[in-house]
Protein backbone atom coordinates (compact mmCIF):
# COMPACT_ATOMS: atom_id res chain seq x y z
CA MET A 1 6.57 -30.85 -66.12
CA VAL A 2 6.77 -34.52 -66.44
CA LYS A 3 9.47 -35.76 -68.84
CA VAL A 4 8.96 -39.16 -70.34
CA GLN A 5 12.30 -40.99 -70.72
CA VAL A 6 12.42 -42.80 -74.08
CA SER A 7 15.58 -44.43 -75.48
CA THR A 8 16.74 -43.12 -78.75
CA ASP A 9 18.29 -46.59 -79.44
CA GLU A 10 14.90 -48.17 -79.76
CA LEU A 11 12.60 -47.74 -82.74
CA VAL A 12 9.07 -46.87 -82.09
CA ALA A 13 6.83 -49.47 -83.56
CA GLY A 14 10.06 -50.93 -85.07
CA ARG A 15 9.95 -48.16 -87.62
CA TYR A 16 10.47 -44.68 -86.37
CA ARG A 17 13.82 -43.63 -84.92
CA LEU A 18 13.82 -40.92 -82.30
CA LEU A 19 16.46 -38.21 -83.14
CA GLU A 20 15.93 -35.20 -80.91
CA GLY A 21 13.32 -34.21 -78.31
CA VAL A 22 11.90 -30.78 -79.36
CA HIS A 23 9.32 -29.95 -76.63
CA HIS A 24 8.11 -31.30 -73.39
CA GLU A 25 4.72 -30.52 -71.61
CA GLU A 26 2.75 -32.30 -68.76
CA GLY A 27 1.67 -35.51 -70.34
CA ARG A 28 3.37 -34.95 -73.77
CA GLU A 29 6.71 -35.05 -75.51
CA GLY A 30 7.55 -34.09 -79.03
CA TRP A 31 10.47 -35.54 -81.14
CA HIS A 32 12.08 -35.12 -84.50
CA GLY A 33 12.54 -38.63 -85.86
CA GLN A 34 13.18 -40.57 -88.95
CA ASP A 35 11.09 -43.22 -90.74
CA VAL A 36 13.74 -45.80 -91.25
CA GLU A 37 11.72 -47.50 -94.18
CA SER A 38 11.42 -44.55 -96.23
CA GLU A 39 14.23 -42.42 -94.63
CA ARG A 40 12.03 -39.42 -94.65
CA PRO A 41 12.04 -37.11 -91.60
CA VAL A 42 8.99 -37.22 -89.21
CA ALA A 43 7.67 -35.64 -86.13
CA LEU A 44 6.37 -37.98 -83.32
CA THR A 45 4.38 -36.88 -80.38
CA ARG A 46 3.98 -39.16 -77.31
CA SER A 47 0.73 -38.17 -75.30
CA ARG A 48 -0.64 -39.66 -72.17
CA LEU A 49 -3.62 -41.72 -73.25
CA PRO A 50 -7.08 -40.21 -72.39
CA ALA A 51 -9.37 -42.43 -70.50
CA HIS A 52 -11.96 -42.56 -73.47
CA LEU A 53 -9.19 -43.82 -75.83
CA ARG A 54 -8.23 -46.67 -73.52
CA GLU A 55 -11.74 -47.94 -73.85
CA GLU A 56 -11.61 -47.93 -77.66
CA ALA A 57 -10.13 -50.71 -79.71
CA GLU A 58 -6.51 -49.75 -80.99
CA LEU A 59 -7.67 -49.94 -84.66
CA ARG A 60 -10.80 -47.67 -84.04
CA THR A 61 -8.54 -45.13 -82.22
CA ALA A 62 -6.10 -44.98 -85.05
CA VAL A 63 -8.70 -44.73 -87.75
CA ARG A 64 -10.61 -42.01 -86.28
CA ILE A 65 -7.51 -39.86 -85.52
CA THR A 66 -6.04 -40.35 -88.78
CA ARG A 67 -9.24 -39.64 -90.59
CA GLU A 68 -9.96 -36.52 -88.51
CA SER A 69 -6.58 -35.01 -89.29
CA GLU A 70 -6.77 -35.92 -92.88
CA ALA A 71 -10.15 -34.20 -93.23
CA LEU A 72 -8.59 -31.15 -91.78
CA GLY A 73 -5.59 -31.39 -94.03
CA LEU A 74 -7.74 -31.10 -97.10
CA VAL A 75 -9.54 -27.99 -95.46
CA CYS A 76 -6.36 -26.32 -94.35
CA PRO A 77 -3.63 -27.76 -96.56
CA GLY A 78 -0.14 -27.16 -95.02
CA ARG A 79 -1.50 -25.81 -91.82
CA VAL A 80 -2.54 -29.06 -90.09
CA SER A 81 -0.03 -31.83 -89.13
CA VAL A 82 -1.77 -34.86 -90.78
CA VAL A 83 -1.37 -38.02 -88.82
CA PHE A 84 -0.41 -41.01 -90.79
CA ASP A 85 0.47 -43.46 -88.24
CA VAL A 86 -0.91 -44.08 -84.47
CA VAL A 87 0.99 -46.45 -82.09
CA GLU A 88 -0.36 -47.41 -78.58
CA ASP A 89 2.24 -47.80 -75.94
CA LYS A 90 0.77 -48.82 -72.70
CA ASP A 91 -0.79 -45.64 -71.10
CA PHE A 92 0.64 -43.52 -73.96
CA LEU A 93 -0.20 -42.86 -77.61
CA TRP A 94 2.21 -42.25 -80.22
CA THR A 95 1.11 -40.03 -83.25
CA VAL A 96 3.45 -39.77 -86.40
CA THR A 97 3.19 -36.84 -88.83
CA ALA A 98 5.35 -35.30 -91.47
CA ARG A 99 7.80 -33.04 -89.87
CA PRO A 100 6.26 -29.46 -89.62
CA GLU A 101 8.21 -26.43 -90.82
CA GLY A 102 9.53 -24.18 -87.91
CA VAL A 103 9.62 -24.95 -84.19
CA PRO A 104 7.07 -25.55 -81.58
CA LEU A 105 5.72 -22.34 -79.96
CA SER A 106 6.74 -23.59 -76.70
CA VAL A 107 10.47 -23.38 -77.82
CA LEU A 108 9.84 -19.94 -79.09
CA LEU A 109 8.38 -19.06 -75.61
CA GLY A 110 11.51 -20.52 -73.91
CA HIS A 111 13.28 -17.25 -75.13
CA GLY A 112 10.91 -14.83 -73.55
CA PRO A 113 7.74 -12.97 -74.57
CA VAL A 114 6.90 -11.66 -78.04
CA ASP A 115 5.51 -8.29 -78.95
CA TYR A 116 1.71 -8.02 -79.39
CA VAL A 117 1.99 -7.81 -83.21
CA ARG A 118 3.68 -11.05 -83.62
CA ALA A 119 1.37 -12.59 -81.10
CA ALA A 120 -1.54 -11.41 -83.02
CA ARG A 121 -0.12 -12.84 -86.26
CA ILE A 122 0.47 -16.27 -84.66
CA GLY A 123 -2.88 -16.12 -83.00
CA LEU A 124 -4.68 -15.35 -86.22
CA GLY A 125 -3.02 -18.33 -87.84
CA VAL A 126 -4.18 -20.74 -85.25
CA LEU A 127 -7.70 -19.22 -85.24
CA ASP A 128 -7.87 -19.70 -88.93
CA VAL A 129 -7.23 -23.50 -88.41
CA LEU A 130 -9.54 -23.70 -85.42
CA GLY A 131 -12.36 -21.99 -87.27
CA ALA A 132 -12.05 -24.29 -90.41
CA ALA A 133 -12.06 -27.35 -87.95
CA HIS A 134 -15.09 -26.00 -86.11
CA GLN A 135 -16.85 -25.52 -89.39
CA GLU A 136 -16.27 -29.22 -90.05
CA GLY A 137 -17.66 -30.10 -86.57
CA ILE A 138 -14.30 -30.98 -85.25
CA THR A 139 -12.93 -29.80 -81.78
CA HIS A 140 -9.12 -29.88 -81.11
CA GLY A 141 -9.69 -30.01 -77.18
CA ASP A 142 -6.01 -30.43 -76.45
CA LEU A 143 -4.32 -27.26 -77.88
CA SER A 144 -1.16 -25.91 -76.19
CA PRO A 145 1.99 -24.22 -77.27
CA GLY A 146 3.55 -27.63 -77.96
CA GLN A 147 0.96 -28.23 -80.71
CA VAL A 148 1.52 -25.01 -82.53
CA TRP A 149 4.59 -24.93 -84.82
CA VAL A 150 5.82 -21.41 -85.94
CA GLU A 151 7.77 -20.78 -89.16
CA GLU A 152 10.25 -18.02 -89.18
CA GLN A 153 8.18 -15.99 -91.68
CA GLY A 154 5.14 -16.30 -89.59
CA GLY A 155 3.30 -19.32 -91.02
CA VAL A 156 1.58 -21.75 -88.43
CA THR A 157 0.90 -25.28 -88.45
CA VAL A 158 -1.39 -26.85 -85.87
CA ALA A 159 -0.91 -30.48 -84.62
CA GLY A 160 -2.75 -32.63 -82.28
CA PHE A 161 -6.25 -33.04 -83.77
CA GLY A 162 -7.97 -36.19 -82.96
CA LEU A 163 -6.48 -37.05 -79.47
CA MET A 164 -9.36 -35.40 -77.50
CA GLY A 165 -12.03 -34.36 -80.00
CA ALA A 166 -15.49 -33.86 -78.72
CA SER A 167 -15.00 -36.49 -75.99
CA ALA A 168 -16.34 -35.80 -72.51
CA SER A 169 -13.16 -37.03 -70.97
CA PRO A 170 -10.93 -34.22 -69.39
CA ARG A 171 -7.76 -33.47 -71.17
CA VAL A 172 -4.76 -35.24 -69.74
CA THR A 173 -2.08 -33.29 -71.42
CA ALA A 174 -0.88 -29.70 -70.78
CA PRO A 175 -3.58 -29.15 -68.10
CA SER A 176 -2.61 -25.52 -67.53
CA TYR A 177 -4.22 -24.70 -70.99
CA ALA A 178 -7.45 -26.65 -70.14
CA SER A 179 -10.56 -24.53 -70.01
CA PRO A 180 -12.52 -24.35 -66.78
CA GLU A 181 -15.05 -26.72 -68.18
CA GLN A 182 -12.54 -29.17 -69.12
CA ALA A 183 -11.09 -28.78 -65.52
CA ARG A 184 -14.41 -29.55 -64.06
CA GLY A 185 -14.53 -32.93 -66.32
CA GLU A 186 -17.06 -31.59 -68.53
CA GLY A 187 -15.30 -32.13 -71.86
CA GLY A 188 -15.19 -29.40 -74.31
CA GLY A 189 -16.25 -27.89 -77.64
CA PRO A 190 -15.09 -24.99 -79.80
CA ALA A 191 -15.26 -22.60 -76.97
CA THR A 192 -12.70 -24.79 -75.26
CA ASP A 193 -10.38 -24.35 -78.11
CA LEU A 194 -10.92 -20.58 -77.83
CA TRP A 195 -9.98 -20.55 -74.16
CA ALA A 196 -6.92 -22.39 -75.03
CA LEU A 197 -5.90 -19.95 -77.80
CA GLY A 198 -6.45 -17.21 -75.26
CA ALA A 199 -4.13 -18.79 -72.76
CA ILE A 200 -1.51 -19.16 -75.54
CA MET A 201 -1.57 -15.60 -76.51
CA TYR A 202 -1.54 -14.51 -72.84
CA GLU A 203 1.81 -16.33 -72.41
CA MET A 204 3.10 -15.11 -75.63
CA VAL A 205 2.76 -11.36 -74.63
CA GLU A 206 3.38 -11.80 -70.85
CA GLY A 207 6.19 -14.31 -70.87
CA ARG A 208 4.36 -16.49 -68.27
CA PRO A 209 1.32 -18.76 -68.40
CA ALA A 210 -2.10 -17.49 -67.48
CA ILE A 211 -2.33 -20.41 -65.07
CA ARG A 212 0.93 -22.16 -63.96
CA ASP A 213 1.27 -25.89 -63.95
CA ARG A 214 0.86 -27.11 -60.38
CA GLY A 215 2.86 -30.35 -60.88
CA GLY A 216 -0.05 -32.65 -61.47
CA LEU A 217 -3.27 -32.92 -63.15
CA GLU A 218 -5.69 -32.50 -60.30
CA ALA A 219 -3.73 -29.55 -58.72
CA THR A 220 -3.76 -27.75 -61.89
CA PHE A 221 -7.16 -28.34 -62.82
CA ARG A 222 -8.15 -26.83 -59.45
CA ALA A 223 -6.16 -23.62 -60.25
CA VAL A 224 -7.69 -23.41 -63.64
CA GLU A 225 -11.17 -23.77 -62.27
CA ARG A 226 -10.68 -21.45 -59.20
CA LEU A 227 -7.66 -18.95 -59.55
CA PRO A 228 -8.32 -15.50 -60.90
CA ILE A 229 -6.08 -14.55 -63.87
CA ARG A 230 -4.06 -11.24 -63.58
CA ALA A 231 -4.92 -8.86 -66.48
CA PRO A 232 -2.11 -8.84 -69.20
CA LEU A 233 0.28 -5.92 -68.88
CA SER A 234 2.01 -6.07 -72.20
CA ALA A 235 -0.65 -7.07 -74.50
CA GLY A 236 -1.47 -3.45 -75.78
CA PRO A 237 -4.34 -3.48 -78.08
CA LEU A 238 -4.50 -7.36 -77.99
CA SER A 239 -5.55 -7.23 -74.38
CA PRO A 240 -9.36 -7.13 -75.08
CA ALA A 241 -9.25 -10.13 -77.23
CA ILE A 242 -7.14 -12.15 -74.70
CA GLN A 243 -9.38 -11.11 -71.81
CA GLY A 244 -12.60 -12.05 -73.92
CA LEU A 245 -11.26 -15.48 -74.64
CA LEU A 246 -10.38 -16.18 -71.02
CA ARG A 247 -13.75 -15.68 -69.83
CA ARG A 248 -14.63 -18.58 -67.48
CA ASP A 249 -18.10 -19.28 -68.70
CA PRO A 250 -17.87 -20.76 -72.32
CA VAL A 251 -21.17 -18.79 -73.13
CA GLU A 252 -19.46 -15.61 -72.46
CA ARG A 253 -16.33 -16.34 -74.42
CA VAL A 254 -15.77 -14.06 -77.55
CA PRO A 255 -16.93 -15.60 -80.80
CA GLU A 256 -14.27 -16.48 -83.43
CA SER A 257 -15.43 -13.83 -85.82
CA VAL A 258 -14.95 -11.05 -83.32
CA VAL A 259 -11.49 -12.17 -82.31
CA ARG A 260 -10.47 -12.60 -85.80
CA GLU A 261 -11.55 -9.14 -86.72
CA ALA A 262 -9.67 -7.72 -83.76
CA LEU A 263 -6.44 -9.56 -84.60
CA THR A 264 -6.75 -8.50 -88.31
CA ARG A 265 -7.15 -4.89 -87.51
CA ILE A 266 -4.07 -4.91 -85.31
CA LEU A 267 -2.09 -6.38 -88.22
CA LYS A 268 -3.57 -4.10 -90.67
CA ALA A 269 -2.74 -1.07 -88.50
CA GLU A 270 0.84 -2.27 -88.34
CA LEU A 271 1.16 -2.66 -92.12
CA ASP A 272 -0.65 0.71 -92.65
CA ASP A 273 1.16 2.74 -90.10
CA ASP A 274 3.75 1.04 -87.97
CA SER A 275 1.99 2.71 -85.05
CA MET A 276 -1.23 1.44 -83.31
CA PRO A 277 -4.26 3.63 -83.18
CA THR A 278 -4.87 3.48 -79.32
CA GLU A 279 -8.48 4.78 -79.42
CA THR A 280 -10.26 2.34 -81.53
CA LEU A 281 -8.53 -0.91 -81.22
CA PRO A 282 -9.24 -1.89 -77.48
CA ILE A 283 -13.04 -2.09 -78.43
CA PHE A 284 -14.30 -4.68 -81.02
CA ARG A 285 -16.31 -3.56 -83.71
CA ASP A 286 -18.91 -6.28 -83.20
CA LEU A 287 -19.79 -6.70 -79.59
CA ASP A 288 -21.74 -9.95 -80.25
CA ALA A 289 -21.58 -13.17 -82.01
CA PRO A 290 -21.66 -13.28 -85.88
CA PRO A 291 -25.06 -12.66 -87.55
CA THR A 292 -24.74 -15.93 -89.48
CA ARG A 293 -25.69 -18.99 -87.13
CA ARG A 294 -22.79 -21.23 -86.28
CA VAL A 295 -22.80 -23.58 -83.53
CA TRP A 296 -20.45 -24.05 -80.63
CA GLY A 297 -21.44 -27.46 -79.57
CA LYS A 298 -25.16 -27.06 -79.52
CA VAL A 299 -25.17 -23.45 -78.53
CA PRO A 300 -25.97 -20.92 -81.42
CA LEU A 301 -23.38 -18.41 -81.93
CA SER A 302 -25.70 -15.73 -83.24
CA ARG A 303 -26.75 -14.75 -79.63
CA PRO A 304 -28.07 -11.40 -78.88
CA VAL A 305 -25.33 -8.98 -78.17
CA LEU A 306 -25.08 -6.11 -75.95
CA LEU A 307 -28.27 -6.26 -73.93
CA GLY A 308 -25.28 -5.69 -71.56
CA GLY A 309 -27.39 -4.82 -68.65
CA ALA A 310 -30.90 -6.06 -68.85
CA LEU A 311 -31.19 -8.07 -71.83
CA ALA A 312 -27.39 -8.27 -71.88
CA VAL A 313 -25.94 -11.30 -73.05
CA THR A 314 -22.77 -12.43 -74.42
CA VAL A 315 -21.71 -10.50 -71.51
CA VAL A 316 -18.43 -11.24 -72.91
CA CYS A 317 -18.34 -8.41 -75.20
CA PHE A 318 -19.15 -5.61 -72.90
CA ALA A 319 -18.25 -7.36 -69.75
CA GLY A 320 -15.01 -8.60 -70.66
CA LEU A 321 -13.61 -7.03 -73.66
CA THR A 322 -13.56 -3.21 -73.00
CA ALA A 323 -12.64 -3.58 -69.35
CA ALA A 324 -9.37 -1.92 -68.63
CA GLY A 325 -9.47 -3.51 -65.24
CA GLY A 326 -8.58 -7.09 -65.97
CA LEU A 327 -9.71 -10.58 -65.63
CA SER A 328 -11.38 -10.60 -62.26
CA GLU A 329 -14.29 -12.84 -62.03
CA ARG A 330 -16.51 -10.00 -63.47
CA GLY A 331 -13.84 -8.43 -65.57
CA THR A 332 -15.39 -5.11 -66.03
CA SER A 333 -15.20 -2.62 -63.27
CA ALA A 334 -15.97 0.88 -64.31
CA SER A 335 -13.15 3.31 -64.31
CA GLY A 336 -15.28 6.17 -63.45
CA PRO A 337 -16.37 7.19 -59.75
CA ALA A 338 -19.69 5.14 -60.00
CA PRO A 339 -19.72 1.42 -59.14
CA SER A 340 -18.98 -1.17 -61.64
CA PRO A 341 -21.30 -1.61 -64.63
CA ARG A 342 -20.63 -5.15 -64.92
CA VAL A 343 -23.35 -7.27 -66.02
CA SER A 344 -23.16 -9.20 -62.90
CA ALA A 345 -22.47 -6.29 -60.61
CA THR A 346 -25.63 -5.86 -58.74
CA PRO A 347 -28.36 -6.80 -56.32
CA SER A 348 -29.19 -8.08 -52.88
CA PRO A 349 -31.67 -10.21 -51.21
CA THR A 350 -35.32 -10.24 -50.69
CA PRO A 351 -36.79 -12.36 -53.39
CA SER A 352 -39.99 -11.58 -51.76
CA ALA A 353 -41.00 -9.27 -54.69
CA SER A 354 -40.29 -10.27 -58.12
CA PRO A 355 -38.75 -7.72 -60.40
CA SER A 356 -41.88 -6.75 -62.32
CA ASN A 357 -43.82 -6.42 -59.10
CA THR A 358 -41.60 -4.11 -57.14
CA VAL A 359 -39.87 -2.19 -59.72
CA PRO A 360 -42.20 -1.17 -62.38
CA GLN A 361 -44.99 -0.20 -60.14
CA GLN A 362 -45.65 3.50 -59.89
CA ALA A 363 -47.99 5.94 -58.40
CA PRO A 364 -51.26 6.38 -59.91
CA SER A 365 -50.08 9.86 -61.18
CA THR A 366 -47.29 8.55 -63.13
CA SER A 367 -47.57 7.51 -66.79
CA PRO A 368 -48.75 3.89 -67.08
CA SER A 369 -46.52 2.63 -69.97
CA PRO A 370 -43.36 1.69 -68.09
CA SER A 371 -45.30 -0.29 -65.54
CA SER A 372 -47.07 -2.51 -67.83
CA SER A 373 -45.28 -5.64 -66.98
CA SER A 374 -46.62 -9.04 -66.41
CA ALA A 375 -47.02 -8.29 -62.65
CA SER A 376 -50.18 -7.20 -61.09
CA PRO A 377 -50.06 -3.26 -60.60
CA SER A 378 -51.19 -3.46 -56.98
CA PRO A 379 -49.27 -0.69 -55.30
CA SER A 380 -47.21 -2.65 -52.72
CA HIS A 381 -44.87 0.30 -53.03
CA THR A 382 -46.74 3.59 -53.34
CA LEU A 383 -44.43 6.03 -55.19
CA THR A 384 -45.06 9.65 -55.54
CA GLU A 385 -44.02 11.95 -58.50
CA ASP A 386 -40.49 12.84 -58.08
CA PRO A 387 -39.83 16.43 -56.91
CA PRO A 388 -39.16 18.43 -59.88
CA THR A 389 -35.97 20.04 -58.22
CA SER A 390 -34.26 16.68 -57.71
CA PHE A 391 -34.18 15.42 -61.22
CA PHE A 392 -33.29 16.92 -64.59
CA ARG A 393 -33.85 15.84 -68.13
CA TYR A 394 -30.70 14.34 -69.61
CA THR A 395 -30.41 13.84 -73.35
CA ALA A 396 -27.37 11.70 -74.38
CA PRO A 397 -25.36 12.50 -77.47
CA GLN A 398 -26.53 8.92 -78.72
CA GLY A 399 -30.03 10.17 -78.81
CA PHE A 400 -31.86 8.70 -75.77
CA SER A 401 -33.20 10.69 -72.93
CA VAL A 402 -34.15 10.06 -69.25
CA GLU A 403 -34.65 12.16 -66.10
CA LEU A 404 -31.67 11.66 -63.89
CA PRO A 405 -30.95 12.68 -60.11
CA LYS A 406 -29.07 16.22 -60.29
CA GLY A 407 -25.35 15.90 -60.40
CA TRP A 408 -25.47 12.65 -62.35
CA LYS A 409 -23.68 12.33 -65.77
CA PRO A 410 -22.13 9.60 -68.03
CA VAL A 411 -19.23 7.99 -66.23
CA ARG A 412 -18.42 5.53 -68.90
CA THR A 413 -19.29 5.00 -72.47
CA GLU A 414 -18.67 2.04 -74.79
CA ASN A 415 -19.34 2.15 -78.53
CA SER A 416 -19.30 -0.25 -81.34
CA ALA A 417 -19.01 0.50 -85.14
CA ASP A 418 -22.25 -1.15 -85.85
CA GLY A 419 -24.18 1.58 -83.82
CA SER A 420 -24.32 -0.25 -80.60
CA TYR A 421 -23.44 1.35 -77.36
CA ARG A 422 -23.58 1.16 -73.44
CA VAL A 423 -23.58 4.27 -71.32
CA THR A 424 -23.18 4.04 -67.59
CA LEU A 425 -24.75 7.00 -65.69
CA GLY A 426 -23.86 8.00 -62.09
CA ALA A 427 -22.28 10.61 -59.90
CA SER A 428 -19.05 10.78 -57.80
CA GLY A 429 -19.69 9.41 -54.35
CA ASP A 430 -22.92 7.96 -55.34
CA PRO A 431 -22.84 4.10 -55.14
CA ARG A 432 -25.83 3.63 -57.69
CA THR A 433 -25.61 3.38 -61.43
CA LEU A 434 -28.06 3.45 -64.30
CA VAL A 435 -26.71 1.54 -67.37
CA VAL A 436 -28.35 2.23 -70.84
CA THR A 437 -27.58 -0.25 -73.47
CA TYR A 438 -28.58 -0.09 -77.14
CA SER A 439 -27.93 -2.95 -79.62
CA THR A 440 -28.65 -3.53 -83.39
CA GLN A 441 -28.47 -7.21 -83.43
CA LEU A 442 -30.74 -8.95 -81.09
CA THR A 443 -33.03 -11.99 -81.26
CA SER A 444 -36.68 -12.07 -80.82
CA ASP A 445 -37.01 -13.59 -77.38
CA PRO A 446 -35.86 -11.22 -74.61
CA VAL A 447 -36.72 -13.97 -71.96
CA ALA A 448 -34.40 -16.52 -73.58
CA VAL A 449 -31.58 -13.99 -73.60
CA TRP A 450 -31.99 -13.48 -69.91
CA ARG A 451 -31.93 -17.24 -69.32
CA GLU A 452 -28.52 -17.36 -70.83
CA VAL A 453 -27.36 -14.40 -68.78
CA ASP A 454 -28.68 -16.20 -65.69
CA THR A 455 -26.82 -19.48 -66.65
CA SER A 456 -23.58 -17.61 -67.31
CA LEU A 457 -23.80 -15.50 -64.00
CA ARG A 458 -24.07 -18.70 -62.02
CA GLY A 459 -20.54 -19.90 -62.90
CA ASP A 460 -18.91 -16.61 -61.68
CA SER A 461 -17.54 -16.09 -58.10
CA ILE A 462 -19.73 -12.98 -57.35
CA ALA A 463 -22.08 -14.87 -54.97
CA TYR A 464 -24.79 -14.51 -57.78
CA GLU A 465 -28.48 -15.07 -56.82
CA ARG A 466 -31.55 -14.46 -58.99
CA LEU A 467 -34.52 -12.87 -57.37
CA GLY A 468 -37.87 -14.33 -58.62
CA ASP A 469 -38.58 -15.44 -62.08
CA ILE A 470 -37.55 -13.98 -65.52
CA ARG A 471 -40.56 -12.26 -66.69
CA ALA A 472 -41.91 -11.28 -70.15
CA VAL A 473 -43.14 -7.57 -69.88
CA THR A 474 -44.68 -5.06 -72.29
CA TYR A 475 -42.83 -1.82 -72.09
CA GLN A 476 -43.88 1.32 -73.82
CA GLY A 477 -45.96 -0.88 -76.16
CA TYR A 478 -42.83 -3.12 -76.90
CA LYS A 479 -41.96 -6.72 -76.14
CA GLY A 480 -39.36 -7.09 -73.19
CA ALA A 481 -38.18 -9.03 -70.29
CA ASP A 482 -37.16 -8.19 -66.67
CA MET A 483 -34.59 -9.84 -64.32
CA GLU A 484 -33.54 -8.94 -60.90
CA TRP A 485 -30.48 -10.41 -59.08
CA LEU A 486 -27.98 -10.06 -56.18
CA SER A 487 -24.12 -10.14 -56.54
CA THR A 488 -21.09 -9.07 -54.71
CA ASN A 489 -18.92 -6.19 -55.90
CA GLY A 490 -15.77 -6.10 -53.77
CA GLN A 491 -17.15 -6.19 -50.18
CA VAL A 492 -20.52 -4.69 -51.14
CA ARG A 493 -23.66 -6.80 -51.76
CA GLU A 494 -25.43 -5.30 -54.48
CA ARG A 495 -28.97 -5.62 -56.21
CA THR A 496 -29.82 -4.99 -59.79
CA PHE A 497 -33.09 -4.67 -61.67
CA GLY A 498 -32.64 -5.04 -65.40
CA ARG A 499 -35.31 -4.46 -68.18
CA GLY A 500 -34.73 -5.06 -71.91
CA TYR A 501 -37.04 -4.52 -74.72
CA LEU A 502 -37.17 -4.66 -78.48
CA ILE A 503 -37.99 -1.75 -80.67
CA GLY A 504 -37.65 -3.60 -84.06
CA ASP A 505 -36.67 -6.99 -85.45
CA HIS A 506 -33.10 -6.68 -84.28
CA GLU A 507 -32.93 -3.41 -82.18
CA GLY A 508 -33.54 -2.82 -78.67
CA PHE A 509 -32.65 -1.10 -75.45
CA SER A 510 -31.98 -2.31 -71.83
CA LEU A 511 -31.93 -0.38 -68.60
CA ARG A 512 -30.06 -1.74 -65.54
CA TRP A 513 -30.35 -0.01 -62.09
CA THR A 514 -27.88 -1.14 -59.41
CA THR A 515 -27.63 -0.09 -55.83
CA PRO A 516 -26.23 -1.51 -52.67
CA ALA A 517 -28.65 -4.14 -51.55
CA ALA A 518 -29.19 -2.73 -48.13
CA ASP A 519 -30.47 0.52 -49.68
CA TRP A 520 -32.47 -1.01 -52.27
CA ASP A 521 -35.93 -0.44 -50.70
CA THR A 522 -35.36 3.29 -49.71
CA THR A 523 -38.07 5.67 -50.83
CA ALA A 524 -35.38 7.68 -52.79
CA ASN A 525 -34.23 4.56 -54.72
CA ARG A 526 -37.80 3.28 -55.46
CA ALA A 527 -38.68 6.79 -56.80
CA ALA A 528 -35.52 6.91 -58.88
CA LEU A 529 -36.22 3.65 -60.67
CA ALA A 530 -39.83 4.59 -61.16
CA THR A 531 -38.59 7.91 -62.65
CA PHE A 532 -36.16 6.05 -64.96
CA LEU A 533 -38.73 3.79 -66.23
CA ARG A 534 -41.45 6.41 -66.76
CA THR A 535 -39.26 8.89 -68.55
CA PHE A 536 -36.77 6.98 -70.59
CA LYS A 537 -36.98 7.44 -74.36
CA GLY A 538 -34.80 5.68 -76.82
CA GLY A 539 -33.06 7.43 -79.50
CA SER A 540 -34.96 5.46 -82.15
CA GLN A 541 -38.32 5.75 -80.62
């Protein structure tokens, strides 16, 4: 870390005496000090000046920072370090606040990791402040352990509001806590703050940063943008929340309300029983954004959930949170013998046929309902009825039913308390999977959901490639959408066809069929997909 040398014999702005350095981060130093005019204790933070502030007049910078922190101080009294003075010093900026109670979290972390319960308590305190700020349209943009002050009894104060804000300038302090979008120079919004919170909680439980400082801004930014993050080993039931916050695509990051509920449940379980219920906590109750519409930047948070495979969005929830596997780029490999049920895990080339052309088509002898997509039904692939001996009717405990190849069974099931679920079906030694997802909180435009999924998958290092267009379809009389894509799972190139459809105002199913790309067009695989689409019945239908 860079340590800025400042003489304690000099007064900052001729008024503030530096008494003791309390924390040091790349581009930032914090001090205990004294206001020699009033003789009251103060805290001073010297931060490297972001480029966008260098272009502002000094007075305008000071007014904006003080107003922003004052506004938050009214919303979160005692939980935000309110800035009452700002001083520019060449390439650095001094902010002066009342001295917070406790010590910076960076000091606490210097003594080693903390248990997941204390990490959850501190994380929830920070999240409450961030949530209040985001409701006011304010983004921190520069959050790090040096900006979080922790009291002995657990209270939390957050400092540093106003330095970055909603600026498009990449952060210039504590770069190892920057989000990938900040590392790319795209600026940040509320989702950027959530990444920083995830990185802070990761370090609290693991005793090491999620991404280590590389000794310079550019080197550290490259690491943030490109390096995988190892799954936390000591996070216990906090692990799903941390992994959900550390999704590289901001669209996939877990919403504040979902994280808050997860942390609250951990603390409540600790109070109720001193022991953690291991079965329920790793999976969040809500696998989607909150039903009320909040805005992360300009992206509505009430995005459809779960359509985890086909209409699956906010992949974050199913893709990142319930994974026991860790923060690989796709974060959700299945633990069963079948291949990963990740939202991104699938397809392979040949954009020659769009999804609704190749997949839904069926032999004239099959029922027409599943094939009524927007594509013409010309039988470029002539499919015959599946031999009755090769498939059997499977009825799931959740209520849906579908004909499956013999030997297939559920290899992974994920449930939510709101009734949503995802079931991965497959067989040992068979590289193919069918994922069935049901959600109770969906929006009314399946195509728009797929567009979000498409955008998010492009940011992952899975060699993602969409095949053809996202197409509106009618399936079994319901409004739906199809998308087909390629991705790489380990060393295997895979191809996936996904179909999602709505059965009510907010309810819907999705089917996702994944095979090795090289085997996609075999007679057996075409027949299997046609059978799934022809025979699937949702539990609510």
